[in-house]
Amino acid sequence: MKYILSTTLLFSLMFCILFSSPFGLLDIIYTESIKSWTIGSPMPTPRTEVAGTSIGNNIYVIGGLDSSGRVLNTVEVYNIDNSSWKSVAPLPQPLHHTAASSFNNKIYVVGGYSTSIANWVPSDKLFIYDPLLDKWIEGKHMPTARGAMTANFVDGIMYVIGGYGFSKILDINEAYNPLTNDWEINKTLMPTPRHHAASTVVDDKLFIIGGRIVGLYPIINSNLNERYDPKEDKWITLESMPFKRSGISSASINGSIYVFGGEDVIKTFNNNEKYDVKSNKWISLEPLPTARHGLAAVSINDTIFVIGGGPKSGLSVTNVNEIFNVK
């Protein structure tokens, strides 16, 4: 009888361990099976308010601020094949809150602020980097000086949208043609003026997500999701992001957009939210291991590398390199 009771008790205990939450074995197995984050080699220079882009299997993290608020011209390159970093030719001018996009094996860095966070002076500069020569040249100046805007290439044209200029939040949409080294300024304006937003391209259409809808401070965030079709030169409004955030970064893989991090007045976010373009729906995914803002997110194949940023609201820095596997 004692044996039967002991067996029953043992079975009951095993059942509780296997099926109860949060300590159940099945729960642990499930959690581990969906774990999507790994840790890559940390960036050599901790910094925030960086720009990021890629050429081949190399990710370029550009400019930013250090922990003292000093503006950096640092450019460091992460090779995903061997998880190693190296420094390359620095930006011709230190910049933070700049934007970067790559096209035809060259990197285009536009706008930003050239002075410390105590006195933000917007830049109209366009710098072009050739990795084969490890050399920067200066392109034609952007028509509107600004920082904290977005920049993306679509069909060989770079669209620089939104941002913050001389004490003004912007809805500007200016297009740069690298073949003619010229800008077009009569593109349809973004419906909602914003800065510190995220942007990415899916199916030759630009998505501008989140950001701030007032001046630099106080922080009033948005969760807007507006799409621009360059061929039609038209905007439409789509399903809003679940949480209002700014100082965010995004990347796209297989028709979905992933938006990471952000900040408000008192905290940073570890949000990782996925937008499915076809269904116009959002879902929340496994959080970013390190909450932060002012970060870079760059996708290569089925992987997104989320690098740098500030772990605290306002000026703070990190060098973390957290890797999200979409599969």
C-alpha atoms as a PDB file:
ATOM      1  CA  MET A   1       0.000   0.000   0.000  1.00  0.00           C
ATOM      2  CA  LYS A   2       2.840   2.318   0.891  1.00  0.00           C
ATOM      3  CA  TYR A   3       4.430   1.525  -2.466  1.00  0.00           C
ATOM      4  CA  ILE A   4       1.214   2.369  -4.340  1.00  0.00           C
ATOM      5  CA  LEU A   5       0.843   5.681  -2.495  1.00  0.00           C
ATOM      6  CA  SER A   6       4.486   6.552  -3.119  1.00  0.00           C
ATOM      7  CA  THR A   7       4.128   5.765  -6.788  1.00  0.00           C
ATOM      8  CA  THR A   8       0.989   7.848  -7.037  1.00  0.00           C
ATOM      9  CA  LEU A   9       2.670  10.698  -5.224  1.00  0.00           C
ATOM     10  CA  LEU A  10       5.699  10.430  -7.475  1.00  0.00           C
ATOM     11  CA  PHE A  11       3.499  10.446 -10.578  1.00  0.00           C
ATOM     12  CA  SER A  12       1.646  13.488  -9.273  1.00  0.00           C
ATOM     13  CA  LEU A  13       4.880  15.318  -8.646  1.00  0.00           C
ATOM     14  CA  MET A  14       6.162  14.448 -12.099  1.00  0.00           C
ATOM     15  CA  PHE A  15       2.891  15.640 -13.644  1.00  0.00           C
ATOM     16  CA  CYS A  16       3.187  18.967 -11.831  1.00  0.00           C
ATOM     17  CA  ILE A  17       6.794  19.395 -12.905  1.00  0.00           C
ATOM     18  CA  LEU A  18       6.045  18.535 -16.503  1.00  0.00           C
ATOM     19  CA  PHE A  19       2.918  20.551 -17.048  1.00  0.00           C
ATOM     20  CA  SER A  20       2.786  23.390 -14.557  1.00  0.00           C
ATOM     21  CA  SER A  21       3.970  26.918 -15.284  1.00  0.00           C
ATOM     22  CA  PRO A  22       6.311  28.626 -14.839  1.00  0.00           C
ATOM     23  CA  PHE A  23       8.491  25.736 -13.635  1.00  0.00           C
ATOM     24  CA  GLY A  24       7.252  22.938 -15.872  1.00  0.00           C
ATOM     25  CA  LEU A  25       9.710  21.029 -18.023  1.00  0.00           C
ATOM     26  CA  LEU A  26       7.535  21.475 -21.097  1.00  0.00           C
ATOM     27  CA  ASP A  27       7.511  25.196 -20.458  1.00  0.00           C
ATOM     28  CA  ILE A  28      11.302  25.241 -20.323  1.00  0.00           C
ATOM     29  CA  ILE A  29      11.627  23.174 -23.481  1.00  0.00           C
ATOM     30  CA  TYR A  30       9.154  25.438 -25.270  1.00  0.00           C
ATOM     31  CA  THR A  31      10.983  28.561 -24.139  1.00  0.00           C
ATOM     32  CA  GLU A  32      14.317  27.204 -25.301  1.00  0.00           C
ATOM     33  CA  SER A  33      12.880  26.075 -28.634  1.00  0.00           C
ATOM     34  CA  ILE A  34      11.762  29.617 -29.518  1.00  0.00           C
ATOM     35  CA  LYS A  35      14.812  31.401 -28.177  1.00  0.00           C
ATOM     36  CA  SER A  36      15.953  33.526 -31.106  1.00  0.00           C
ATOM     37  CA  TRP A  37      18.734  35.730 -29.729  1.00  0.00           C
ATOM     38  CA  THR A  38      22.455  35.040 -29.659  1.00  0.00           C
ATOM     39  CA  ILE A  39      25.341  37.304 -28.701  1.00  0.00           C
ATOM     40  CA  GLY A  40      27.980  38.437 -31.191  1.00  0.00           C
ATOM     41  CA  SER A  41      31.355  40.038 -30.630  1.00  0.00           C
ATOM     42  CA  PRO A  42      30.875  43.447 -28.990  1.00  0.00           C
ATOM     43  CA  MET A  43      31.565  46.565 -31.018  1.00  0.00           C
ATOM     44  CA  PRO A  44      35.001  48.000 -30.133  1.00  0.00           C
ATOM     45  CA  THR A  45      33.689  51.519 -29.410  1.00  0.00           C
ATOM     46  CA  PRO A  46      30.631  51.830 -27.145  1.00  0.00           C
ATOM     47  CA  ARG A  47      28.360  54.505 -28.640  1.00  0.00           C
ATOM     48  CA  THR A  48      24.820  55.614 -29.259  1.00  0.00           C
ATOM     49  CA  GLU A  49      22.855  57.447 -31.963  1.00  0.00           C
ATOM     50  CA  VAL A  50      24.710  55.498 -34.637  1.00  0.00           C
ATOM     51  CA  ALA A  51      23.874  54.692 -38.253  1.00  0.00           C
ATOM     52  CA  GLY A  52      24.223  51.211 -39.711  1.00  0.00           C
ATOM     53  CA  THR A  53      24.190  49.563 -43.112  1.00  0.00           C
ATOM     54  CA  SER A  54      25.784  46.594 -44.870  1.00  0.00           C
ATOM     55  CA  ILE A  55      27.690  45.592 -47.975  1.00  0.00           C
ATOM     56  CA  GLY A  56      27.871  41.846 -48.512  1.00  0.00           C
ATOM     57  CA  ASN A  57      28.600  40.180 -45.191  1.00  0.00           C
ATOM     58  CA  ASN A  58      30.070  43.311 -43.632  1.00  0.00           C
ATOM     59  CA  ILE A  59      28.082  45.622 -41.343  1.00  0.00           C
ATOM     60  CA  TYR A  60      29.221  49.240 -41.023  1.00  0.00           C
ATOM     61  CA  VAL A  61      28.409  51.147 -37.826  1.00  0.00           C
ATOM     62  CA  ILE A  62      28.956  54.841 -38.367  1.00  0.00           C
ATOM     63  CA  GLY A  63      29.415  57.906 -36.158  1.00  0.00           C
ATOM     64  CA  GLY A  64      27.481  58.487 -32.936  1.00  0.00           C
ATOM     65  CA  LEU A  65      28.164  59.804 -29.443  1.00  0.00           C
ATOM     66  CA  ASP A  66      30.417  58.454 -26.714  1.00  0.00           C
ATOM     67  CA  SER A  67      29.608  58.420 -23.006  1.00  0.00           C
ATOM     68  CA  SER A  68      30.813  62.004 -22.551  1.00  0.00           C
ATOM     69  CA  GLY A  69      28.651  63.313 -25.397  1.00  0.00           C
ATOM     70  CA  ARG A  70      31.612  63.720 -27.748  1.00  0.00           C
ATOM     71  CA  VAL A  71      30.652  63.443 -31.427  1.00  0.00           C
ATOM     72  CA  LEU A  72      32.445  60.609 -33.228  1.00  0.00           C
ATOM     73  CA  ASN A  73      33.658  60.040 -36.785  1.00  0.00           C
ATOM     74  CA  THR A  74      34.308  56.385 -35.969  1.00  0.00           C
ATOM     75  CA  VAL A  75      33.474  53.737 -38.566  1.00  0.00           C
ATOM     76  CA  GLU A  76      33.772  50.114 -37.460  1.00  0.00           C
ATOM     77  CA  VAL A  77      33.000  47.066 -39.592  1.00  0.00           C
ATOM     78  CA  TYR A  78      31.653  43.757 -38.351  1.00  0.00           C
ATOM     79  CA  ASN A  79      32.202  40.665 -40.490  1.00  0.00           C
ATOM     80  CA  ILE A  80      29.438  38.148 -39.858  1.00  0.00           C
ATOM     81  CA  ASP A  81      31.475  35.204 -41.168  1.00  0.00           C
ATOM     82  CA  ASN A  82      34.142  35.320 -38.473  1.00  0.00           C
ATOM     83  CA  SER A  83      32.425  37.628 -35.945  1.00  0.00           C
ATOM     84  CA  SER A  84      35.318  40.086 -36.054  1.00  0.00           C
ATOM     85  CA  TRP A  85      35.564  43.875 -36.048  1.00  0.00           C
ATOM     86  CA  LYS A  86      37.931  46.293 -37.733  1.00  0.00           C
ATOM     87  CA  SER A  87      38.197  50.063 -38.111  1.00  0.00           C
ATOM     88  CA  VAL A  88      38.141  51.707 -41.528  1.00  0.00           C
ATOM     89  CA  ALA A  89      38.579  55.273 -42.761  1.00  0.00           C
ATOM     90  CA  PRO A  90      36.681  57.620 -40.432  1.00  0.00           C
ATOM     91  CA  LEU A  91      33.894  59.912 -41.551  1.00  0.00           C
ATOM     92  CA  PRO A  92      35.246  63.185 -42.941  1.00  0.00           C
ATOM     93  CA  GLN A  93      33.245  64.924 -40.201  1.00  0.00           C
ATOM     94  CA  PRO A  94      32.083  63.649 -36.804  1.00  0.00           C
ATOM     95  CA  LEU A  95      28.309  63.117 -36.850  1.00  0.00           C
ATOM     96  CA  HIS A  96      25.546  61.707 -34.673  1.00  0.00           C
ATOM     97  CA  HIS A  97      21.902  61.039 -35.546  1.00  0.00           C
ATOM     98  CA  THR A  98      23.021  60.592 -39.143  1.00  0.00           C
ATOM     99  CA  ALA A  99      21.494  58.105 -41.607  1.00  0.00           C
ATOM    100  CA  ALA A 100      23.218  55.569 -43.843  1.00  0.00           C
ATOM    101  CA  SER A 101      22.179  53.422 -46.788  1.00  0.00           C
ATOM    102  CA  SER A 102      24.143  51.313 -49.256  1.00  0.00           C
ATOM    103  CA  PHE A 103      23.851  51.024 -53.030  1.00  0.00           C
ATOM    104  CA  ASN A 104      26.100  49.465 -55.671  1.00  0.00           C
ATOM    105  CA  ASN A 105      28.752  48.551 -53.079  1.00  0.00           C
ATOM    106  CA  LYS A 106      29.046  52.079 -51.729  1.00  0.00           C
ATOM    107  CA  ILE A 107      27.735  53.656 -48.547  1.00  0.00           C
ATOM    108  CA  TYR A 108      25.882  56.961 -48.464  1.00  0.00           C
ATOM    109  CA  VAL A 109      25.819  58.866 -45.170  1.00  0.00           C
ATOM    110  CA  VAL A 110      23.592  61.921 -45.017  1.00  0.00           C
ATOM    111  CA  GLY A 111      22.620  64.605 -42.508  1.00  0.00           C
ATOM    112  CA  GLY A 112      22.972  64.299 -38.757  1.00  0.00           C
ATOM    113  CA  TYR A 113      24.350  66.689 -36.181  1.00  0.00           C
ATOM    114  CA  SER A 114      27.957  67.796 -36.125  1.00  0.00           C
ATOM    115  CA  THR A 115      28.027  69.227 -32.613  1.00  0.00           C
ATOM    116  CA  SER A 116      27.471  67.857 -29.118  1.00  0.00           C
ATOM    117  CA  ILE A 117      24.056  67.077 -27.663  1.00  0.00           C
ATOM    118  CA  ALA A 118      24.110  70.412 -25.832  1.00  0.00           C
ATOM    119  CA  ASN A 119      23.927  72.304 -29.127  1.00  0.00           C
ATOM    120  CA  TRP A 120      22.482  70.356 -32.017  1.00  0.00           C
ATOM    121  CA  VAL A 121      23.399  71.937 -35.362  1.00  0.00           C
ATOM    122  CA  PRO A 122      21.932  69.987 -38.299  1.00  0.00           C
ATOM    123  CA  SER A 123      24.100  68.982 -41.241  1.00  0.00           C
ATOM    124  CA  ASP A 124      23.286  68.978 -44.958  1.00  0.00           C
ATOM    125  CA  LYS A 125      26.389  66.969 -45.869  1.00  0.00           C
ATOM    126  CA  LEU A 126      26.397  63.818 -47.987  1.00  0.00           C
ATOM    127  CA  PHE A 127      29.436  61.560 -47.652  1.00  0.00           C
ATOM    128  CA  ILE A 128      30.026  58.551 -49.912  1.00  0.00           C
ATOM    129  CA  TYR A 129      32.305  55.663 -48.905  1.00  0.00           C
ATOM    130  CA  ASP A 130      34.027  53.224 -51.255  1.00  0.00           C
ATOM    131  CA  PRO A 131      35.166  50.155 -49.267  1.00  0.00           C
ATOM    132  CA  LEU A 132      37.483  48.987 -52.031  1.00  0.00           C
ATOM    133  CA  LEU A 133      39.476  52.203 -51.781  1.00  0.00           C
ATOM    134  CA  ASP A 134      38.730  52.758 -48.079  1.00  0.00           C
ATOM    135  CA  LYS A 135      38.011  56.355 -49.006  1.00  0.00           C
ATOM    136  CA  TRP A 136      35.267  58.937 -48.503  1.00  0.00           C
ATOM    137  CA  ILE A 137      34.207  61.601 -50.979  1.00  0.00           C
ATOM    138  CA  GLU A 138      31.627  64.356 -50.566  1.00  0.00           C
ATOM    139  CA  GLY A 139      28.461  64.351 -52.659  1.00  0.00           C
ATOM    140  CA  LYS A 140      26.125  67.219 -53.388  1.00  0.00           C
ATOM    141  CA  HIS A 141      24.707  68.729 -50.229  1.00  0.00           C
ATOM    142  CA  MET A 142      21.201  67.727 -49.176  1.00  0.00           C
ATOM    143  CA  PRO A 143      18.725  70.592 -49.796  1.00  0.00           C
ATOM    144  CA  THR A 144      17.466  70.587 -46.178  1.00  0.00           C
ATOM    145  CA  ALA A 145      19.894  70.329 -43.258  1.00  0.00           C
ATOM    146  CA  ARG A 146      18.557  67.896 -40.655  1.00  0.00           C
ATOM    147  CA  GLY A 147      19.269  64.964 -38.388  1.00  0.00           C
ATOM    148  CA  ALA A 148      17.333  62.043 -36.897  1.00  0.00           C
ATOM    149  CA  MET A 149      15.742  61.376 -40.291  1.00  0.00           C
ATOM    150  CA  THR A 150      15.550  58.164 -42.348  1.00  0.00           C
ATOM    151  CA  ALA A 151      17.399  57.256 -45.558  1.00  0.00           C
ATOM    152  CA  ASN A 152      16.754  54.278 -47.830  1.00  0.00           C
ATOM    153  CA  PHE A 153      17.475  53.341 -51.418  1.00  0.00           C
ATOM    154  CA  VAL A 154      14.579  52.225 -53.617  1.00  0.00           C
ATOM    155  CA  ASP A 155      15.277  51.369 -57.262  1.00  0.00           C
ATOM    156  CA  GLY A 156      18.566  53.272 -57.277  1.00  0.00           C
ATOM    157  CA  ILE A 157      17.264  56.450 -55.617  1.00  0.00           C
ATOM    158  CA  MET A 158      17.898  57.404 -51.982  1.00  0.00           C
ATOM    159  CA  TYR A 159      14.884  58.890 -50.203  1.00  0.00           C
ATOM    160  CA  VAL A 160      15.692  60.982 -47.127  1.00  0.00           C
ATOM    161  CA  ILE A 161      12.529  61.581 -45.127  1.00  0.00           C
ATOM    162  CA  GLY A 162      11.511  63.505 -42.004  1.00  0.00           C
ATOM    163  CA  GLY A 163      13.937  64.488 -39.287  1.00  0.00           C
ATOM    164  CA  TYR A 164      14.592  67.547 -37.179  1.00  0.00           C
ATOM    165  CA  GLY A 165      16.141  70.704 -38.599  1.00  0.00           C
ATOM    166  CA  PHE A 166      16.689  74.152 -37.142  1.00  0.00           C
ATOM    167  CA  SER A 167      14.169  73.949 -34.268  1.00  0.00           C
ATOM    168  CA  LYS A 168      11.607  72.392 -36.567  1.00  0.00           C
ATOM    169  CA  ILE A 169      10.166  68.903 -36.977  1.00  0.00           C
ATOM    170  CA  LEU A 170      10.072  67.973 -40.659  1.00  0.00           C
ATOM    171  CA  ASP A 171       7.904  66.133 -43.185  1.00  0.00           C
ATOM    172  CA  ILE A 172      10.490  66.679 -45.953  1.00  0.00           C
ATOM    173  CA  ASN A 173      10.943  63.973 -48.613  1.00  0.00           C
ATOM    174  CA  GLU A 174      14.050  64.581 -50.726  1.00  0.00           C
ATOM    175  CA  ALA A 175      15.441  62.138 -53.288  1.00  0.00           C
ATOM    176  CA  TYR A 176      19.095  61.705 -54.281  1.00  0.00           C
ATOM    177  CA  ASN A 177      20.238  60.157 -57.569  1.00  0.00           C
ATOM    178  CA  PRO A 178      23.814  58.821 -57.257  1.00  0.00           C
ATOM    179  CA  LEU A 179      24.223  58.663 -61.048  1.00  0.00           C
ATOM    180  CA  THR A 180      23.653  62.398 -61.478  1.00  0.00           C
ATOM    181  CA  ASN A 181      24.772  63.478 -57.977  1.00  0.00           C
ATOM    182  CA  ASP A 182      21.637  65.593 -57.747  1.00  0.00           C
ATOM    183  CA  TRP A 183      18.608  65.997 -55.484  1.00  0.00           C
ATOM    184  CA  GLU A 184      14.895  66.205 -56.269  1.00  0.00           C
ATOM    185  CA  ILE A 185      12.845  68.225 -53.787  1.00  0.00           C
ATOM    186  CA  ASN A 186       9.273  68.036 -55.101  1.00  0.00           C
ATOM    187  CA  LYS A 187       8.392  64.601 -53.734  1.00  0.00           C
ATOM    188  CA  THR A 188       5.147  64.216 -51.780  1.00  0.00           C
ATOM    189  CA  LEU A 189       5.677  65.121 -48.144  1.00  0.00           C
ATOM    190  CA  MET A 190       5.339  62.543 -45.373  1.00  0.00           C
ATOM    191  CA  PRO A 191       1.785  62.870 -43.949  1.00  0.00           C
ATOM    192  CA  THR A 192       2.984  63.195 -40.338  1.00  0.00           C
ATOM    193  CA  PRO A 193       6.148  65.203 -39.552  1.00  0.00           C
ATOM    194  CA  ARG A 194       8.401  62.975 -37.435  1.00  0.00           C
ATOM    195  CA  HIS A 195      11.970  62.367 -36.334  1.00  0.00           C
ATOM    196  CA  HIS A 196      13.745  59.501 -34.553  1.00  0.00           C
ATOM    197  CA  ALA A 197      11.580  57.084 -36.572  1.00  0.00           C
ATOM    198  CA  ALA A 198      12.518  53.711 -38.075  1.00  0.00           C
ATOM    199  CA  SER A 199      12.385  52.920 -41.770  1.00  0.00           C
ATOM    200  CA  THR A 200      12.840  49.979 -44.080  1.00  0.00           C
ATOM    201  CA  VAL A 201      11.983  48.828 -47.602  1.00  0.00           C
ATOM    202  CA  VAL A 202       9.723  45.947 -48.643  1.00  0.00           C
ATOM    203  CA  ASP A 203       8.713  45.339 -52.265  1.00  0.00           C
ATOM    204  CA  ASP A 204      10.126  48.708 -53.376  1.00  0.00           C
ATOM    205  CA  LYS A 205       7.969  50.584 -50.883  1.00  0.00           C
ATOM    206  CA  LEU A 206       9.189  52.608 -47.912  1.00  0.00           C
ATOM    207  CA  PHE A 207       7.739  52.178 -44.421  1.00  0.00           C
ATOM    208  CA  ILE A 208       8.281  54.929 -41.830  1.00  0.00           C
ATOM    209  CA  ILE A 209       7.360  53.699 -38.346  1.00  0.00           C
ATOM    210  CA  GLY A 210       7.136  55.332 -34.921  1.00  0.00           C
ATOM    211  CA  GLY A 211       9.278  58.315 -34.004  1.00  0.00           C
ATOM    212  CA  ARG A 212       8.610  61.619 -32.252  1.00  0.00           C
ATOM    213  CA  ILE A 213       5.937  64.083 -33.231  1.00  0.00           C
ATOM    214  CA  VAL A 214       7.253  67.108 -31.320  1.00  0.00           C
ATOM    215  CA  GLY A 215      10.629  68.824 -30.972  1.00  0.00           C
ATOM    216  CA  LEU A 216      13.640  67.149 -29.417  1.00  0.00           C
ATOM    217  CA  TYR A 217      12.297  67.414 -25.844  1.00  0.00           C
ATOM    218  CA  PRO A 218       9.997  66.602 -24.193  1.00  0.00           C
ATOM    219  CA  ILE A 219       9.674  63.202 -25.820  1.00  0.00           C
ATOM    220  CA  ILE A 220       6.208  62.581 -27.262  1.00  0.00           C
ATOM    221  CA  ASN A 221       6.272  59.316 -29.166  1.00  0.00           C
ATOM    222  CA  SER A 222       4.236  57.994 -32.059  1.00  0.00           C
ATOM    223  CA  ASN A 223       3.286  54.514 -33.233  1.00  0.00           C
ATOM    224  CA  LEU A 224       2.336  55.610 -36.756  1.00  0.00           C
ATOM    225  CA  ASN A 225       3.084  53.366 -39.714  1.00  0.00           C
ATOM    226  CA  GLU A 226       3.038  55.272 -43.009  1.00  0.00           C
ATOM    227  CA  ARG A 227       4.035  53.754 -46.351  1.00  0.00           C
ATOM    228  CA  TYR A 228       5.486  55.605 -49.312  1.00  0.00           C
ATOM    229  CA  ASP A 229       5.327  54.281 -52.876  1.00  0.00           C
ATOM    230  CA  PRO A 230       8.073  56.067 -54.857  1.00  0.00           C
ATOM    231  CA  LYS A 231       6.677  54.977 -58.221  1.00  0.00           C
ATOM    232  CA  GLU A 232       3.310  56.593 -57.521  1.00  0.00           C
ATOM    233  CA  ASP A 233       4.748  59.264 -55.213  1.00  0.00           C
ATOM    234  CA  LYS A 234       1.923  58.532 -52.759  1.00  0.00           C
ATOM    235  CA  TRP A 235       1.563  57.788 -49.046  1.00  0.00           C
ATOM    236  CA  ILE A 236      -0.947  55.597 -47.206  1.00  0.00           C
ATOM    237  CA  THR A 237      -1.457  54.957 -43.489  1.00  0.00           C
ATOM    238  CA  LEU A 238      -1.289  51.362 -42.251  1.00  0.00           C
ATOM    239  CA  GLU A 239      -1.873  49.532 -38.975  1.00  0.00           C
ATOM    240  CA  SER A 240      -0.060  51.317 -36.153  1.00  0.00           C
ATOM    241  CA  MET A 241       2.767  49.714 -34.207  1.00  0.00           C
ATOM    242  CA  PRO A 242       1.493  48.299 -30.862  1.00  0.00           C
ATOM    243  CA  PHE A 243       3.632  50.601 -28.681  1.00  0.00           C
ATOM    244  CA  LYS A 244       4.614  54.231 -29.171  1.00  0.00           C
ATOM    245  CA  ARG A 245       8.390  54.453 -29.403  1.00  0.00           C
ATOM    246  CA  SER A 246      11.170  56.643 -30.779  1.00  0.00           C
ATOM    247  CA  GLY A 247      14.920  56.255 -31.146  1.00  0.00           C
ATOM    248  CA  ILE A 248      14.122  52.901 -32.726  1.00  0.00           C
ATOM    249  CA  SER A 249      15.635  50.890 -35.550  1.00  0.00           C
ATOM    250  CA  SER A 250      14.198  48.377 -37.995  1.00  0.00           C
ATOM    251  CA  ALA A 251      15.082  45.791 -40.609  1.00  0.00           C
ATOM    252  CA  SER A 252      13.100  43.674 -43.042  1.00  0.00           C
ATOM    253  CA  ILE A 253      13.271  39.983 -43.951  1.00  0.00           C
ATOM    254  CA  ASN A 254      10.927  37.963 -46.201  1.00  0.00           C
ATOM    255  CA  GLY A 255       8.132  40.531 -46.356  1.00  0.00           C
ATOM    256  CA  SER A 256       8.137  41.291 -42.630  1.00  0.00           C
ATOM    257  CA  ILE A 257       9.466  44.306 -40.739  1.00  0.00           C
ATOM    258  CA  TYR A 258      11.087  44.015 -37.312  1.00  0.00           C
ATOM    259  CA  VAL A 259      11.277  47.097 -35.059  1.00  0.00           C
ATOM    260  CA  PHE A 260      13.647  47.139 -32.080  1.00  0.00           C
ATOM    261  CA  GLY A 261      14.194  49.181 -28.936  1.00  0.00           C
ATOM    262  CA  GLY A 262      13.374  52.833 -28.345  1.00  0.00           C
ATOM    263  CA  GLU A 263      12.944  55.288 -25.490  1.00  0.00           C
ATOM    264  CA  ASP A 264      10.585  57.662 -23.766  1.00  0.00           C
ATOM    265  CA  VAL A 265      11.265  60.271 -21.086  1.00  0.00           C
ATOM    266  CA  ILE A 266      12.137  57.854 -18.295  1.00  0.00           C
ATOM    267  CA  LYS A 267      13.099  54.513 -19.808  1.00  0.00           C
ATOM    268  CA  THR A 268      14.291  52.514 -22.773  1.00  0.00           C
ATOM    269  CA  PHE A 269      12.395  49.686 -24.454  1.00  0.00           C
ATOM    270  CA  ASN A 270      13.353  46.084 -25.231  1.00  0.00           C
ATOM    271  CA  ASN A 271      10.420  45.685 -27.629  1.00  0.00           C
ATOM    272  CA  ASN A 272      10.797  43.498 -30.685  1.00  0.00           C
ATOM    273  CA  GLU A 273       7.672  43.867 -32.799  1.00  0.00           C
ATOM    274  CA  LYS A 274       7.050  42.293 -36.181  1.00  0.00           C
ATOM    275  CA  TYR A 275       4.868  43.760 -38.907  1.00  0.00           C
ATOM    276  CA  ASP A 276       3.599  41.487 -41.671  1.00  0.00           C
ATOM    277  CA  VAL A 277       3.220  43.586 -44.808  1.00  0.00           C
ATOM    278  CA  LYS A 278       0.693  41.323 -46.520  1.00  0.00           C
ATOM    279  CA  SER A 279      -1.685  40.947 -43.586  1.00  0.00           C
ATOM    280  CA  ASN A 280      -1.123  44.467 -42.214  1.00  0.00           C
ATOM    281  CA  LYS A 281      -0.794  42.967 -38.724  1.00  0.00           C
ATOM    282  CA  TRP A 282       1.655  43.297 -35.833  1.00  0.00           C
ATOM    283  CA  ILE A 283       2.824  40.721 -33.308  1.00  0.00           C
ATOM    284  CA  SER A 284       5.278  40.931 -30.393  1.00  0.00           C
ATOM    285  CA  LEU A 285       8.294  38.647 -30.452  1.00  0.00           C
ATOM    286  CA  GLU A 286      11.010  37.645 -27.993  1.00  0.00           C
ATOM    287  CA  PRO A 287      12.319  40.895 -26.487  1.00  0.00           C
ATOM    288  CA  LEU A 288      15.654  42.468 -27.260  1.00  0.00           C
ATOM    289  CA  PRO A 289      18.079  41.195 -24.569  1.00  0.00           C
ATOM    290  CA  THR A 290      19.330  44.744 -23.873  1.00  0.00           C
ATOM    291  CA  ALA A 291      16.777  47.555 -23.849  1.00  0.00           C
ATOM    292  CA  ARG A 292      18.214  50.587 -25.690  1.00  0.00           C
ATOM    293  CA  HIS A 293      17.657  53.448 -28.093  1.00  0.00           C
ATOM    294  CA  GLY A 294      19.817  55.061 -30.792  1.00  0.00           C
ATOM    295  CA  LEU A 295      20.796  51.612 -32.043  1.00  0.00           C
ATOM    296  CA  ALA A 296      21.529  50.124 -35.474  1.00  0.00           C
ATOM    297  CA  ALA A 297      19.627  47.134 -36.918  1.00  0.00           C
ATOM    298  CA  VAL A 298      20.930  45.502 -40.086  1.00  0.00           C
ATOM    299  CA  SER A 299      19.570  42.356 -41.757  1.00  0.00           C
ATOM    300  CA  ILE A 300      21.645  39.873 -43.716  1.00  0.00           C
ATOM    301  CA  ASN A 301      19.926  36.731 -45.005  1.00  0.00           C
ATOM    302  CA  ASP A 302      17.660  35.485 -42.173  1.00  0.00           C
ATOM    303  CA  THR A 303      19.510  37.281 -39.397  1.00  0.00           C
ATOM    304  CA  ILE A 304      19.276  40.768 -37.902  1.00  0.00           C
ATOM    305  CA  PHE A 305      22.232  42.308 -36.086  1.00  0.00           C
ATOM    306  CA  VAL A 306      21.223  44.882 -33.461  1.00  0.00           C
ATOM    307  CA  ILE A 307      24.260  46.891 -32.413  1.00  0.00           C
ATOM    308  CA  GLY A 308      25.136  49.729 -30.031  1.00  0.00           C
ATOM    309  CA  GLY A 309      22.778  52.354 -28.648  1.00  0.00           C
ATOM    310  CA  GLY A 310      21.978  53.725 -25.226  1.00  0.00           C
ATOM    311  CA  PRO A 311      20.637  51.466 -22.428  1.00  0.00           C
ATOM    312  CA  LYS A 312      19.260  54.447 -20.487  1.00  0.00           C
ATOM    313  CA  SER A 313      17.019  57.246 -21.686  1.00  0.00           C
ATOM    314  CA  GLY A 314      19.099  60.232 -22.785  1.00  0.00           C
ATOM    315  CA  LEU A 315      22.873  60.012 -23.123  1.00  0.00           C
ATOM    316  CA  SER A 316      24.190  56.514 -22.409  1.00  0.00           C
ATOM    317  CA  VAL A 317      26.197  54.047 -24.477  1.00  0.00           C
ATOM    318  CA  THR A 318      26.743  50.362 -25.049  1.00  0.00           C
ATOM    319  CA  ASN A 319      28.717  48.172 -27.433  1.00  0.00           C
ATOM    320  CA  VAL A 320      26.442  45.126 -27.390  1.00  0.00           C
ATOM    321  CA  ASN A 321      25.913  43.133 -30.570  1.00  0.00           C
ATOM    322  CA  GLU A 322      22.755  41.054 -30.221  1.00  0.00           C
ATOM    323  CA  ILE A 323      21.751  38.796 -33.096  1.00  0.00           C
ATOM    324  CA  PHE A 324      18.158  37.881 -33.894  1.00  0.00           C
ATOM    325  CA  ASN A 325      17.591  34.706 -35.909  1.00  0.00           C
ATOM    326  CA  VAL A 326      14.302  34.949 -37.780  1.00  0.00           C
ATOM    327  CA  LYS A 327      14.065  31.239 -38.642  1.00  0.00           C
END
